[in-house]
C-alpha atoms as a PDB file:
ATOM      1  CA  MET A   1     176.162  23.976  28.565  1.00  0.00           C
ATOM      2  CA  PRO A   2     179.199  22.131  29.872  1.00  0.00           C
ATOM      3  CA  LYS A   3     178.720  18.694  31.835  1.00  0.00           C
ATOM      4  CA  THR A   4     180.060  20.195  34.907  1.00  0.00           C
ATOM      5  CA  GLU A   5     177.820  23.519  35.291  1.00  0.00           C
ATOM      6  CA  LYS A   6     174.718  21.107  34.122  1.00  0.00           C
ATOM      7  CA  GLN A   7     175.281  19.420  37.221  1.00  0.00           C
ATOM      8  CA  SER A   8     175.497  22.759  39.378  1.00  0.00           C
ATOM      9  CA  ILE A   9     172.130  23.529  37.701  1.00  0.00           C
ATOM     10  CA  VAL A  10     170.503  20.806  39.279  1.00  0.00           C
ATOM     11  CA  TRP A  11     171.721  20.527  42.744  1.00  0.00           C
ATOM     12  CA  ILE A  12     170.196  24.213  42.587  1.00  0.00           C
ATOM     13  CA  ASP A  13     167.297  23.248  41.107  1.00  0.00           C
ATOM     14  CA  CYS A  14     167.105  20.665  43.786  1.00  0.00           C
ATOM     15  CA  ALA A  15     167.788  23.078  46.649  1.00  0.00           C
ATOM     16  CA  LYS A  16     165.603  25.673  45.462  1.00  0.00           C
ATOM     17  CA  PHE A  17     162.688  23.161  45.771  1.00  0.00           C
ATOM     18  CA  LEU A  18     163.861  22.293  49.032  1.00  0.00           C
ATOM     19  CA  ALA A  19     164.567  25.809  50.061  1.00  0.00           C
ATOM     20  CA  ILE A  20     160.560  26.454  49.219  1.00  0.00           C
ATOM     21  CA  LEU A  21     159.051  23.299  50.789  1.00  0.00           C
ATOM     22  CA  ALA A  22     161.166  25.011  53.894  1.00  0.00           C
ATOM     23  CA  VAL A  23     158.928  27.831  53.463  1.00  0.00           C
ATOM     24  CA  VAL A  24     155.600  26.117  53.292  1.00  0.00           C
ATOM     25  CA  ILE A  25     156.461  24.274  56.713  1.00  0.00           C
ATOM     26  CA  ASP A  26     157.610  27.663  58.078  1.00  0.00           C
ATOM     27  CA  HIS A  27     154.163  29.361  57.347  1.00  0.00           C
ATOM     28  CA  GLY A  28     152.420  26.226  58.271  1.00  0.00           C
ATOM     29  CA  LYS A  29     153.076  26.931  61.833  1.00  0.00           C
ATOM     30  CA  GLY A  30     149.733  27.033  63.859  1.00  0.00           C
ATOM     31  CA  ILE A  31     147.949  24.987  61.009  1.00  0.00           C
ATOM     32  CA  LEU A  32     150.168  21.927  60.046  1.00  0.00           C
ATOM     33  CA  TYR A  33     151.946  21.807  63.802  1.00  0.00           C
ATOM     34  CA  GLU A  34     152.314  23.653  66.545  1.00  0.00           C
ATOM     35  CA  GLY A  35     155.668  24.481  68.658  1.00  0.00           C
ATOM     36  CA  GLU A  36     158.738  26.261  67.194  1.00  0.00           C
ATOM     37  CA  THR A  37     161.073  23.542  66.459  1.00  0.00           C
ATOM     38  CA  ILE A  38     160.287  22.310  63.149  1.00  0.00           C
ATOM     39  CA  GLN A  39     159.673  26.300  62.417  1.00  0.00           C
ATOM     40  CA  TYR A  40     163.270  26.770  63.764  1.00  0.00           C
ATOM     41  CA  ILE A  41     164.582  24.056  61.373  1.00  0.00           C
ATOM     42  CA  SER A  42     162.936  25.134  58.213  1.00  0.00           C
ATOM     43  CA  PHE A  43     164.560  29.196  58.982  1.00  0.00           C
ATOM     44  CA  PHE A  44     167.204  28.578  56.339  1.00  0.00           C
ATOM     45  CA  SER A  45     164.630  28.847  53.112  1.00  0.00           C
ATOM     46  CA  VAL A  46     164.967  32.595  52.422  1.00  0.00           C
ATOM     47  CA  SER A  47     168.581  32.532  53.114  1.00  0.00           C
ATOM     48  CA  VAL A  48     169.297  29.370  51.006  1.00  0.00           C
ATOM     49  CA  PHE A  49     167.094  31.100  48.162  1.00  0.00           C
ATOM     50  CA  PHE A  50     169.435  34.470  47.890  1.00  0.00           C
ATOM     51  CA  PHE A  51     172.361  32.061  48.030  1.00  0.00           C
ATOM     52  CA  LEU A  52     171.332  30.476  45.365  1.00  0.00           C
ATOM     53  CA  SER A  53     170.112  33.545  43.491  1.00  0.00           C
ATOM     54  CA  GLY A  54     173.971  34.752  43.727  1.00  0.00           C
ATOM     55  CA  MET A  55     174.840  31.721  41.911  1.00  0.00           C
ATOM     56  CA  THR A  56     172.119  31.454  38.932  1.00  0.00           C
ATOM     57  CA  SER A  57     173.066  35.284  38.659  1.00  0.00           C
ATOM     58  CA  TRP A  58     176.338  34.316  37.710  1.00  0.00           C
ATOM     59  CA  TYR A  59     175.839  31.589  35.451  1.00  0.00           C
ATOM     60  CA  SER A  60     173.077  33.542  33.295  1.00  0.00           C
ATOM     61  CA  LEU A  61     175.580  37.000  33.252  1.00  0.00           C
ATOM     62  CA  LYS A  62     178.172  34.296  31.958  1.00  0.00           C
ATOM     63  CA  ARG A  63     176.259  32.528  29.186  1.00  0.00           C
ATOM     64  CA  ARG A  64     174.772  35.863  28.089  1.00  0.00           C
ATOM     65  CA  ARG A  65     174.926  36.260  24.229  1.00  0.00           C
ATOM     66  CA  GLU A  66     177.610  38.613  22.852  1.00  0.00           C
ATOM     67  CA  GLU A  67     175.104  40.963  21.618  1.00  0.00           C
ATOM     68  CA  GLU A  68     173.068  41.372  25.032  1.00  0.00           C
ATOM     69  CA  SER A  69     174.103  44.122  27.326  1.00  0.00           C
ATOM     70  CA  PHE A  70     174.462  44.069  30.722  1.00  0.00           C
ATOM     71  CA  GLY A  71     171.146  46.881  30.460  1.00  0.00           C
ATOM     72  CA  ARG A  72     169.259  44.321  28.183  1.00  0.00           C
ATOM     73  CA  TRP A  73     170.624  41.388  30.880  1.00  0.00           C
ATOM     74  CA  VAL A  74     168.914  42.938  33.792  1.00  0.00           C
ATOM     75  CA  ALA A  75     165.798  44.387  31.898  1.00  0.00           C
ATOM     76  CA  ARG A  76     165.020  40.765  31.255  1.00  0.00           C
ATOM     77  CA  ARG A  77     165.631  39.296  34.475  1.00  0.00           C
ATOM     78  CA  LEU A  78     163.259  41.935  36.063  1.00  0.00           C
ATOM     79  CA  TRP A  79     160.725  41.298  33.569  1.00  0.00           C
ATOM     80  CA  ARG A  80     160.885  37.729  34.271  1.00  0.00           C
ATOM     81  CA  ILE A  81     159.723  37.967  37.831  1.00  0.00           C
ATOM     82  CA  THR A  82     157.982  41.573  37.693  1.00  0.00           C
ATOM     83  CA  VAL A  83     155.295  40.068  35.268  1.00  0.00           C
ATOM     84  CA  PRO A  84     154.400  36.902  37.734  1.00  0.00           C
ATOM     85  CA  TYR A  85     154.570  38.995  40.622  1.00  0.00           C
ATOM     86  CA  LEU A  86     152.006  41.721  39.144  1.00  0.00           C
ATOM     87  CA  ALA A  87     149.780  39.042  38.210  1.00  0.00           C
ATOM     88  CA  ALA A  88     150.140  37.382  41.823  1.00  0.00           C
ATOM     89  CA  VAL A  89     148.795  41.066  43.292  1.00  0.00           C
ATOM     90  CA  ALA A  90     146.205  41.022  40.706  1.00  0.00           C
ATOM     91  CA  VAL A  91     144.736  37.519  41.713  1.00  0.00           C
ATOM     92  CA  CYS A  92     145.073  37.994  45.492  1.00  0.00           C
ATOM     93  CA  GLN A  93     143.468  41.265  45.353  1.00  0.00           C
ATOM     94  CA  PHE A  94     140.300  39.833  43.671  1.00  0.00           C
ATOM     95  CA  LEU A  95     139.702  37.327  46.079  1.00  0.00           C
ATOM     96  CA  GLN A  96     140.614  39.047  48.965  1.00  0.00           C
ATOM     97  CA  THR A  97     138.170  42.291  48.246  1.00  0.00           C
ATOM     98  CA  GLY A  98     135.130  40.590  47.040  1.00  0.00           C
ATOM     99  CA  PHE A  99     136.123  39.491  43.190  1.00  0.00           C
ATOM    100  CA  THR A 100     136.939  43.533  42.532  1.00  0.00           C
ATOM    101  CA  ILE A 101     140.075  44.611  41.012  1.00  0.00           C
ATOM    102  CA  SER A 102     140.593  48.866  41.974  1.00  0.00           C
ATOM    103  CA  LEU A 103     143.353  50.168  40.103  1.00  0.00           C
ATOM    104  CA  GLY A 104     144.291  52.892  42.624  1.00  0.00           C
ATOM    105  CA  PRO A 105     144.970  50.340  45.084  1.00  0.00           C
ATOM    106  CA  PHE A 106     146.553  47.555  42.726  1.00  0.00           C
ATOM    107  CA  VAL A 107     149.184  50.317  42.111  1.00  0.00           C
ATOM    108  CA  LEU A 108     149.864  50.990  45.580  1.00  0.00           C
ATOM    109  CA  TRP A 109     150.143  47.308  46.841  1.00  0.00           C
ATOM    110  CA  ALA A 110     152.104  46.684  44.032  1.00  0.00           C
ATOM    111  CA  LEU A 111     154.914  49.146  44.130  1.00  0.00           C
ATOM    112  CA  ASN A 112     154.848  48.723  48.082  1.00  0.00           C
ATOM    113  CA  PHE A 113     155.406  45.014  47.818  1.00  0.00           C
ATOM    114  CA  ASN A 114     152.954  44.340  51.057  1.00  0.00           C
ATOM    115  CA  LEU A 115     149.640  42.827  49.763  1.00  0.00           C
ATOM    116  CA  GLU A 116     151.215  39.346  50.788  1.00  0.00           C
ATOM    117  CA  GLY A 117     153.995  38.858  54.026  1.00  0.00           C
ATOM    118  CA  GLN A 118     156.125  37.067  51.182  1.00  0.00           C
ATOM    119  CA  PHE A 119     156.357  39.892  48.466  1.00  0.00           C
ATOM    120  CA  TYR A 120     158.892  41.366  50.161  1.00  0.00           C
ATOM    121  CA  PHE A 121     161.312  38.764  48.694  1.00  0.00           C
ATOM    122  CA  VAL A 122     160.214  40.126  45.394  1.00  0.00           C
ATOM    123  CA  LEU A 123     161.176  43.710  46.457  1.00  0.00           C
ATOM    124  CA  ILE A 124     164.707  42.741  47.643  1.00  0.00           C
ATOM    125  CA  TYR A 125     165.165  40.408  44.408  1.00  0.00           C
ATOM    126  CA  LEU A 126     164.860  43.139  42.163  1.00  0.00           C
ATOM    127  CA  GLN A 127     167.413  45.138  43.405  1.00  0.00           C
ATOM    128  CA  LEU A 128     170.062  42.411  43.455  1.00  0.00           C
ATOM    129  CA  ILE A 129     169.108  41.765  39.899  1.00  0.00           C
ATOM    130  CA  ALA A 130     169.676  45.325  39.219  1.00  0.00           C
ATOM    131  CA  ALA A 131     173.094  45.309  40.780  1.00  0.00           C
ATOM    132  CA  ALA A 132     174.076  41.835  39.356  1.00  0.00           C
ATOM    133  CA  PRO A 133     176.017  43.058  36.515  1.00  0.00           C
ATOM    134  CA  ALA A 134     178.611  44.872  38.738  1.00  0.00           C
ATOM    135  CA  LEU A 135     178.776  41.925  41.291  1.00  0.00           C
ATOM    136  CA  TYR A 136     179.337  39.884  38.564  1.00  0.00           C
ATOM    137  CA  LEU A 137     182.445  42.064  37.502  1.00  0.00           C
ATOM    138  CA  LEU A 138     183.669  42.312  40.945  1.00  0.00           C
ATOM    139  CA  THR A 139     183.603  38.718  41.410  1.00  0.00           C
ATOM    140  CA  LEU A 140     185.435  38.472  38.090  1.00  0.00           C
ATOM    141  CA  PHE A 141     187.889  40.544  38.455  1.00  0.00           C
ATOM    142  CA  CYS A 142     188.966  38.503  42.093  1.00  0.00           C
ATOM    143  CA  ARG A 143     190.444  35.909  39.909  1.00  0.00           C
ATOM    144  CA  ARG A 144     193.848  36.964  40.848  1.00  0.00           C
ATOM    145  CA  GLY A 145     196.129  33.817  40.374  1.00  0.00           C
ATOM    146  CA  LYS A 146     197.229  32.286  43.804  1.00  0.00           C
ATOM    147  CA  PHE A 147     196.162  35.183  45.375  1.00  0.00           C
ATOM    148  CA  SER A 148     192.512  34.608  44.580  1.00  0.00           C
ATOM    149  CA  PHE A 149     191.367  33.668  47.338  1.00  0.00           C
ATOM    150  CA  LEU A 150     192.702  36.738  49.607  1.00  0.00           C
ATOM    151  CA  TRP A 151     190.803  38.675  46.426  1.00  0.00           C
ATOM    152  CA  ARG A 152     187.531  36.797  47.490  1.00  0.00           C
ATOM    153  CA  LEU A 153     187.828  36.973  50.909  1.00  0.00           C
ATOM    154  CA  GLY A 154     188.407  40.639  50.918  1.00  0.00           C
ATOM    155  CA  TYR A 155     185.247  40.979  48.293  1.00  0.00           C
ATOM    156  CA  LEU A 156     183.198  38.980  51.092  1.00  0.00           C
ATOM    157  CA  ALA A 157     184.519  41.240  53.785  1.00  0.00           C
ATOM    158  CA  ALA A 158     183.807  44.347  51.397  1.00  0.00           C
ATOM    159  CA  ALA A 159     179.707  42.824  50.785  1.00  0.00           C
ATOM    160  CA  LEU A 160     179.619  42.210  54.537  1.00  0.00           C
ATOM    161  CA  LEU A 161     180.131  45.990  55.502  1.00  0.00           C
ATOM    162  CA  VAL A 162     178.328  46.940  52.747  1.00  0.00           C
ATOM    163  CA  SER A 163     175.324  44.894  53.935  1.00  0.00           C
ATOM    164  CA  LEU A 164     175.783  46.393  57.951  1.00  0.00           C
ATOM    165  CA  PHE A 165     175.806  49.914  56.315  1.00  0.00           C
ATOM    166  CA  CYS A 166     172.748  49.365  54.513  1.00  0.00           C
ATOM    167  CA  LEU A 167     171.036  47.840  57.681  1.00  0.00           C
ATOM    168  CA  LYS A 168     171.405  50.709  60.064  1.00  0.00           C
ATOM    169  CA  HIS A 169     171.821  53.539  57.638  1.00  0.00           C
ATOM    170  CA  THR A 170     169.332  52.778  54.611  1.00  0.00           C
ATOM    171  CA  ILE A 171     165.455  52.330  54.261  1.00  0.00           C
ATOM    172  CA  ALA A 172     163.780  50.368  51.131  1.00  0.00           C
ATOM    173  CA  LEU A 173     159.505  50.169  52.190  1.00  0.00           C
ATOM    174  CA  GLN A 174     157.637  49.357  55.034  1.00  0.00           C
ATOM    175  CA  THR A 175     157.484  45.611  54.544  1.00  0.00           C
ATOM    176  CA  TYR A 176     159.183  42.562  56.403  1.00  0.00           C
ATOM    177  CA  GLY A 177     162.507  41.790  57.086  1.00  0.00           C
ATOM    178  CA  GLY A 178     165.086  41.975  54.767  1.00  0.00           C
ATOM    179  CA  GLY A 179     162.586  44.287  52.341  1.00  0.00           C
ATOM    180  CA  ASN A 180     163.211  46.982  54.938  1.00  0.00           C
ATOM    181  CA  TYR A 181     166.859  47.876  53.842  1.00  0.00           C
ATOM    182  CA  LEU A 182     168.392  49.068  50.280  1.00  0.00           C
ATOM    183  CA  LEU A 183     170.198  45.335  48.876  1.00  0.00           C
ATOM    184  CA  GLY A 184     168.217  43.701  51.842  1.00  0.00           C
ATOM    185  CA  GLY A 185     170.707  43.862  54.678  1.00  0.00           C
ATOM    186  CA  THR A 186     172.676  40.992  54.937  1.00  0.00           C
ATOM    187  CA  TYR A 187     170.792  39.258  52.250  1.00  0.00           C
ATOM    188  CA  LEU A 188     173.135  41.256  49.870  1.00  0.00           C
ATOM    189  CA  PHE A 189     176.149  39.613  51.342  1.00  0.00           C
ATOM    190  CA  LEU A 190     174.664  35.948  50.752  1.00  0.00           C
ATOM    191  CA  PHE A 191     173.696  36.886  46.989  1.00  0.00           C
ATOM    192  CA  VAL A 192     177.880  37.744  46.720  1.00  0.00           C
ATOM    193  CA  ALA A 193     179.012  34.521  48.336  1.00  0.00           C
ATOM    194  CA  GLY A 194     176.794  32.744  45.942  1.00  0.00           C
ATOM    195  CA  MET A 195     178.422  34.741  42.951  1.00  0.00           C
ATOM    196  CA  ILE A 196     181.413  33.608  44.214  1.00  0.00           C
ATOM    197  CA  ALA A 197     180.815  30.272  44.747  1.00  0.00           C
ATOM    198  CA  ALA A 198     179.211  29.911  40.992  1.00  0.00           C
ATOM    199  CA  ASP A 199     182.487  31.758  40.071  1.00  0.00           C
ATOM    200  CA  MET A 200     185.054  28.853  42.306  1.00  0.00           C
ATOM    201  CA  GLN A 201     183.296  26.079  39.852  1.00  0.00           C
ATOM    202  CA  ILE A 202     182.911  23.314  42.443  1.00  0.00           C
ATOM    203  CA  VAL A 203     182.294  19.954  41.559  1.00  0.00           C
ATOM    204  CA  ILE A 204     182.586  16.557  43.208  1.00  0.00           C
ATOM    205  CA  ARG A 205     183.917  14.282  40.302  1.00  0.00           C
ATOM    206  CA  TYR A 206     184.462  10.850  42.199  1.00  0.00           C
ATOM    207  CA  ARG A 207     182.374   8.700  44.018  1.00  0.00           C
ATOM    208  CA  SER A 208     185.000   8.471  47.141  1.00  0.00           C
ATOM    209  CA  ARG A 209     184.818  12.460  47.567  1.00  0.00           C
ATOM    210  CA  ALA A 210     181.274  12.393  47.489  1.00  0.00           C
ATOM    211  CA  VAL A 211     180.764  10.080  50.273  1.00  0.00           C
ATOM    212  CA  ILE A 212     183.394  12.213  52.397  1.00  0.00           C
ATOM    213  CA  CYS A 213     181.907  15.127  51.539  1.00  0.00           C
ATOM    214  CA  ALA A 214     178.234  13.780  52.297  1.00  0.00           C
ATOM    215  CA  ALA A 215     179.593  12.728  55.921  1.00  0.00           C
ATOM    216  CA  ALA A 216     181.308  15.835  56.667  1.00  0.00           C
ATOM    217  CA  SER A 217     178.437  18.256  55.260  1.00  0.00           C
ATOM    218  CA  THR A 218     175.995  15.828  57.924  1.00  0.00           C
ATOM    219  CA  LEU A 219     178.203  16.546  60.774  1.00  0.00           C
ATOM    220  CA  PHE A 220     178.631  19.790  59.872  1.00  0.00           C
ATOM    221  CA  PHE A 221     174.740  20.252  59.584  1.00  0.00           C
ATOM    222  CA  ALA A 222     174.148  18.393  62.920  1.00  0.00           C
ATOM    223  CA  ALA A 223     176.703  20.532  64.713  1.00  0.00           C
ATOM    224  CA  ALA A 224     174.848  23.743  63.117  1.00  0.00           C
ATOM    225  CA  LEU A 225     171.331  22.665  63.817  1.00  0.00           C
ATOM    226  CA  ALA A 226     171.861  21.127  67.206  1.00  0.00           C
ATOM    227  CA  PHE A 227     173.311  24.869  67.982  1.00  0.00           C
ATOM    228  CA  LEU A 228     170.482  26.508  66.465  1.00  0.00           C
ATOM    229  CA  LEU A 229     167.794  24.649  68.579  1.00  0.00           C
ATOM    230  CA  LYS A 230     169.732  24.938  71.607  1.00  0.00           C
ATOM    231  CA  ASP A 231     170.642  28.637  71.191  1.00  0.00           C
ATOM    232  CA  ARG A 232     167.559  30.010  69.501  1.00  0.00           C
ATOM    233  CA  LEU A 233     169.326  33.034  67.947  1.00  0.00           C
ATOM    234  CA  ALA A 234     170.056  34.114  71.643  1.00  0.00           C
ATOM    235  CA  LEU A 235     173.869  34.895  70.539  1.00  0.00           C
ATOM    236  CA  ASP A 236     172.731  36.974  67.553  1.00  0.00           C
ATOM    237  CA  GLU A 237     170.003  38.909  69.759  1.00  0.00           C
ATOM    238  CA  ALA A 238     173.156  39.756  72.621  1.00  0.00           C
ATOM    239  CA  LEU A 239     175.567  40.753  69.660  1.00  0.00           C
ATOM    240  CA  PHE A 240     172.712  42.941  67.649  1.00  0.00           C
ATOM    241  CA  GLY A 241     169.363  42.705  69.367  1.00  0.00           C
ATOM    242  CA  TRP A 242     166.456  42.246  66.886  1.00  0.00           C
ATOM    243  CA  LEU A 243     168.217  43.555  63.750  1.00  0.00           C
ATOM    244  CA  LEU A 244     169.828  40.613  62.839  1.00  0.00           C
ATOM    245  CA  ARG A 245     168.266  36.931  63.608  1.00  0.00           C
ATOM    246  CA  VAL A 246     166.237  35.458  60.648  1.00  0.00           C
ATOM    247  CA  ASN A 247     165.230  37.977  58.352  1.00  0.00           C
ATOM    248  CA  PRO A 248     167.448  39.485  57.470  1.00  0.00           C
ATOM    249  CA  PRO A 249     169.925  36.298  58.485  1.00  0.00           C
ATOM    250  CA  GLY A 250     172.587  36.995  61.498  1.00  0.00           C
ATOM    251  CA  ILE A 251     175.518  34.967  62.290  1.00  0.00           C
ATOM    252  CA  THR A 252     173.794  31.922  63.325  1.00  0.00           C
ATOM    253  CA  MET A 253     171.154  31.734  61.016  1.00  0.00           C
ATOM    254  CA  THR A 254     174.103  32.188  57.677  1.00  0.00           C
ATOM    255  CA  VAL A 255     176.457  29.429  59.264  1.00  0.00           C
ATOM    256  CA  TYR A 256     172.942  27.064  59.210  1.00  0.00           C
ATOM    257  CA  SER A 257     172.091  27.968  56.142  1.00  0.00           C
ATOM    258  CA  MET A 258     175.521  27.127  54.441  1.00  0.00           C
ATOM    259  CA  ALA A 259     175.250  24.290  56.450  1.00  0.00           C
ATOM    260  CA  VAL A 260     172.005  23.238  54.887  1.00  0.00           C
ATOM    261  CA  ILE A 261     173.782  24.079  51.339  1.00  0.00           C
ATOM    262  CA  PHE A 262     176.540  22.230  51.522  1.00  0.00           C
ATOM    263  CA  LEU A 263     174.344  18.820  52.786  1.00  0.00           C
ATOM    264  CA  ILE A 264     171.982  19.836  49.842  1.00  0.00           C
ATOM    265  CA  PHE A 265     174.900  20.260  47.712  1.00  0.00           C
ATOM    266  CA  SER A 266     177.064  17.073  48.920  1.00  0.00           C
ATOM    267  CA  TRP A 267     174.448  14.825  48.971  1.00  0.00           C
ATOM    268  CA  CYS A 268     172.739  15.552  45.182  1.00  0.00           C
ATOM    269  CA  SER A 269     176.586  14.893  43.954  1.00  0.00           C
ATOM    270  CA  LEU A 270     176.596  11.929  45.696  1.00  0.00           C
ATOM    271  CA  GLY A 271     173.509  10.694  44.237  1.00  0.00           C
ATOM    272  CA  ALA A 272     174.019  12.086  40.949  1.00  0.00           C
ATOM    273  CA  LEU A 273     177.736   9.834  40.958  1.00  0.00           C
ATOM    274  CA  MET A 274     175.572   6.516  41.955  1.00  0.00           C
ATOM    275  CA  ASN A 275     174.222   6.311  38.427  1.00  0.00           C
ATOM    276  CA  ASN A 276     171.155   4.897  39.973  1.00  0.00           C
ATOM    277  CA  ALA A 277     167.720   5.410  37.734  1.00  0.00           C
ATOM    278  CA  VAL A 278     165.702   5.557  40.621  1.00  0.00           C
ATOM    279  CA  ILE A 279     168.162   8.384  42.272  1.00  0.00           C
ATOM    280  CA  ASP A 280     168.521  10.105  39.112  1.00  0.00           C
ATOM    281  CA  ARG A 281     164.562   9.530  38.737  1.00  0.00           C
ATOM    282  CA  ILE A 282     164.241  11.524  42.085  1.00  0.00           C
ATOM    283  CA  LEU A 283     166.591  14.149  41.862  1.00  0.00           C
ATOM    284  CA  SER A 284     165.145  15.212  38.319  1.00  0.00           C
ATOM    285  CA  VAL A 285     161.305  15.426  39.826  1.00  0.00           C
ATOM    286  CA  LEU A 286     163.184  17.987  42.580  1.00  0.00           C
ATOM    287  CA  ALA A 287     165.253  19.862  40.024  1.00  0.00           C
ATOM    288  CA  TRP A 288     162.082  19.723  37.777  1.00  0.00           C
ATOM    289  CA  LEU A 289     160.042  21.120  40.792  1.00  0.00           C
ATOM    290  CA  GLY A 290     162.674  23.813  42.028  1.00  0.00           C
ATOM    291  CA  ARG A 291     162.129  25.285  38.662  1.00  0.00           C
ATOM    292  CA  TYR A 292     158.398  26.107  39.836  1.00  0.00           C
ATOM    293  CA  THR A 293     159.452  27.745  43.113  1.00  0.00           C
ATOM    294  CA  LEU A 294     158.516  31.332  42.426  1.00  0.00           C
ATOM    295  CA  TYR A 295     155.272  30.374  41.529  1.00  0.00           C
ATOM    296  CA  ILE A 296     154.673  28.658  44.376  1.00  0.00           C
ATOM    297  CA  PHE A 297     156.434  31.486  46.681  1.00  0.00           C
ATOM    298  CA  LEU A 298     153.853  33.860  45.157  1.00  0.00           C
ATOM    299  CA  TYR A 299     150.635  32.042  45.969  1.00  0.00           C
ATOM    300  CA  HIS A 300     151.418  29.689  48.511  1.00  0.00           C
ATOM    301  CA  MET A 301     149.849  31.996  51.365  1.00  0.00           C
ATOM    302  CA  LEU A 302     147.056  32.641  49.504  1.00  0.00           C
ATOM    303  CA  ILE A 303     146.304  28.883  49.011  1.00  0.00           C
ATOM    304  CA  LEU A 304     146.608  28.174  52.682  1.00  0.00           C
ATOM    305  CA  GLU A 305     144.170  30.680  53.669  1.00  0.00           C
ATOM    306  CA  TYR A 306     141.122  29.497  51.755  1.00  0.00           C
ATOM    307  CA  LEU A 307     141.975  25.680  52.252  1.00  0.00           C
ATOM    308  CA  PRO A 308     140.202  25.483  55.515  1.00  0.00           C
ATOM    309  CA  ALA A 309     136.896  26.087  53.681  1.00  0.00           C
ATOM    310  CA  VAL A 310     137.800  23.425  51.179  1.00  0.00           C
ATOM    311  CA  PHE A 311     139.086  20.878  53.448  1.00  0.00           C
ATOM    312  CA  PRO A 312     136.368  21.486  56.583  1.00  0.00           C
ATOM    313  CA  PHE A 313     136.694  17.945  57.235  1.00  0.00           C
ATOM    314  CA  LEU A 314     140.205  18.235  57.948  1.00  0.00           C
ATOM    315  CA  THR A 315     140.463  19.750  61.254  1.00  0.00           C
ATOM    316  CA  GLY A 316     143.629  19.596  64.124  1.00  0.00           C
ATOM    317  CA  ILE A 317     146.621  18.490  63.144  1.00  0.00           C
ATOM    318  CA  SER A 318     147.014  15.244  61.359  1.00  0.00           C
ATOM    319  CA  LEU A 319     149.691  13.455  58.505  1.00  0.00           C
ATOM    320  CA  LEU A 320     146.948  13.476  56.217  1.00  0.00           C
ATOM    321  CA  LYS A 321     145.751  17.002  56.608  1.00  0.00           C
ATOM    322  CA  THR A 322     149.992  18.143  56.078  1.00  0.00           C
ATOM    323  CA  VAL A 323     150.154  15.801  53.241  1.00  0.00           C
ATOM    324  CA  VAL A 324     146.706  17.557  51.865  1.00  0.00           C
ATOM    325  CA  TYR A 325     147.841  21.085  52.174  1.00  0.00           C
ATOM    326  CA  LEU A 326     151.474  21.222  51.365  1.00  0.00           C
ATOM    327  CA  ALA A 327     150.551  18.864  48.161  1.00  0.00           C
ATOM    328  CA  ALA A 328     147.987  21.875  47.254  1.00  0.00           C
ATOM    329  CA  MET A 329     150.356  25.098  48.073  1.00  0.00           C
ATOM    330  CA  ILE A 330     152.884  23.221  45.961  1.00  0.00           C
ATOM    331  CA  GLY A 331     150.655  21.504  43.221  1.00  0.00           C
ATOM    332  CA  LEU A 332     147.857  24.213  42.770  1.00  0.00           C
ATOM    333  CA  PRO A 333     150.757  26.819  41.266  1.00  0.00           C
ATOM    334  CA  VAL A 334     152.300  24.345  39.779  1.00  0.00           C
ATOM    335  CA  GLY A 335     149.519  23.028  37.799  1.00  0.00           C
ATOM    336  CA  GLY A 336     148.513  26.953  36.823  1.00  0.00           C
ATOM    337  CA  LYS A 337     152.233  27.708  35.607  1.00  0.00           C
ATOM    338  CA  LEU A 338     151.735  24.631  33.397  1.00  0.00           C
ATOM    339  CA  LEU A 339     148.206  24.952  32.404  1.00  0.00           C
ATOM    340  CA  TYR A 340     149.299  28.782  31.048  1.00  0.00           C
ATOM    341  CA  ASP A 341     152.164  27.278  29.302  1.00  0.00           C
ATOM    342  CA  ALA A 342     150.289  24.853  27.620  1.00  0.00           C
ATOM    343  CA  PHE A 343     147.902  27.756  26.378  1.00  0.00           C
ATOM    344  CA  ARG A 344     150.267  30.480  25.640  1.00  0.00           C
ATOM    345  CA  ARG A 345     151.886  27.665  23.393  1.00  0.00           C
ATOM    346  CA  SER A 346     148.266  27.042  21.609  1.00  0.00           C
ATOM    347  CA  LEU A 347     147.760  30.543  20.476  1.00  0.00           C
ATOM    348  CA  LEU A 348     151.621  31.368  19.526  1.00  0.00           C
ATOM    349  CA  LYS A 349     150.892  28.181  17.669  1.00  0.00           C
ATOM    350  CA  LYS A 350     147.892  29.117  16.227  1.00  0.00           C
ATOM    351  CA  ALA A 351     149.170  32.425  15.438  1.00  0.00           C
ATOM    352  CA  ALA A 352     151.843  30.961  13.371  1.00  0.00           C
ATOM    353  CA  ALA A 353     149.547  28.566  11.502  1.00  0.00           C
ATOM    354  CA  GLU A 354     147.160  31.267  10.436  1.00  0.00           C
ATOM    355  CA  LYS A 355     150.605  33.857   9.396  1.00  0.00           C
ATOM    356  CA  ARG A 356     151.862  30.504   7.225  1.00  0.00           C
ATOM    357  CA  GLY A 357     148.572  30.459   5.870  1.00  0.00           C
ATOM    358  CA  LEU A 358     148.295  34.351   4.601  1.00  0.00           C
ATOM    359  CA  LEU A 359     151.857  34.128   3.514  1.00  0.00           C
ATOM    360  CA  SER A 360     150.415  30.866   1.471  1.00  0.00           C
ATOM    361  CA  ASP A 361     147.654  32.900   0.087  1.00  0.00           C
ATOM    362  CA  ARG A 362     149.602  35.632  -1.364  1.00  0.00           C
END
């Protein structure tokens, strides 16, 4: 993998972790904090996820082997999210129904993506992954020399029109937010925007430029956040009613999410260019955690439901309770995935050893 592309993946993984942290904080309202200000600040999470999903899909399609068709790529990506999703449905059903698993309800819950509120994300993601090869080819088509900017702008406009059409004239499933519409409504626009951003290969190579970008992104983020907290989505409600606000995102949330992405990209780029061991370590840890966001997303609400029984002494709202709850909602899914991976490796190693033994006996 080229160095510039590797740097891009690092900041994307860092952004994924910060986005999942925002998801966990958002869902902790009423338990970890009161009031809406913190929740409004965290509302960027899902929009940022779909933008980043567009970027990672572009990189994955670009790196795919020559012998791998688009159909096989889609099947592989769908398999990677469907299996963990079905496992999460089974675990949630088992714990929520008195330690039983019933096939009929399991199938219905799995197909309707509604056993847990956050499962709507999987429904939208599956649709966008299925459409990703076509969107990728359209992204490549927009490379038209000096007119590429206009072609990309036109592509974004077309994606926005399709997104609005899906919002007004399509129905997917009765789940939550963007999951109610084909291709997630305006999440399609963010996914396409992420693909275009990845295709543009934007990289900051010099520290002086990184400082300027970090300063500019901080000002942009501050302005977008100030408008969000003052307006409280009144602009979007006036223009679209309750159709476009946070999920799926309207104008305010889209601009705010772009500000967050610019902020993370700029500061991560600056941090990487500082050549500081401590900063590099922090970025590495954040990027490592960012690779497990799917599992945190699937299980954090289930964990949150059982935490009061596990920590009955943590009553009220306190810093200690916040730290413990966040650590549990992030650490348990990550730890579970690490244990599963270790168990799987041991089984594969044992199977390989047995196979070698059989061959040697022959």
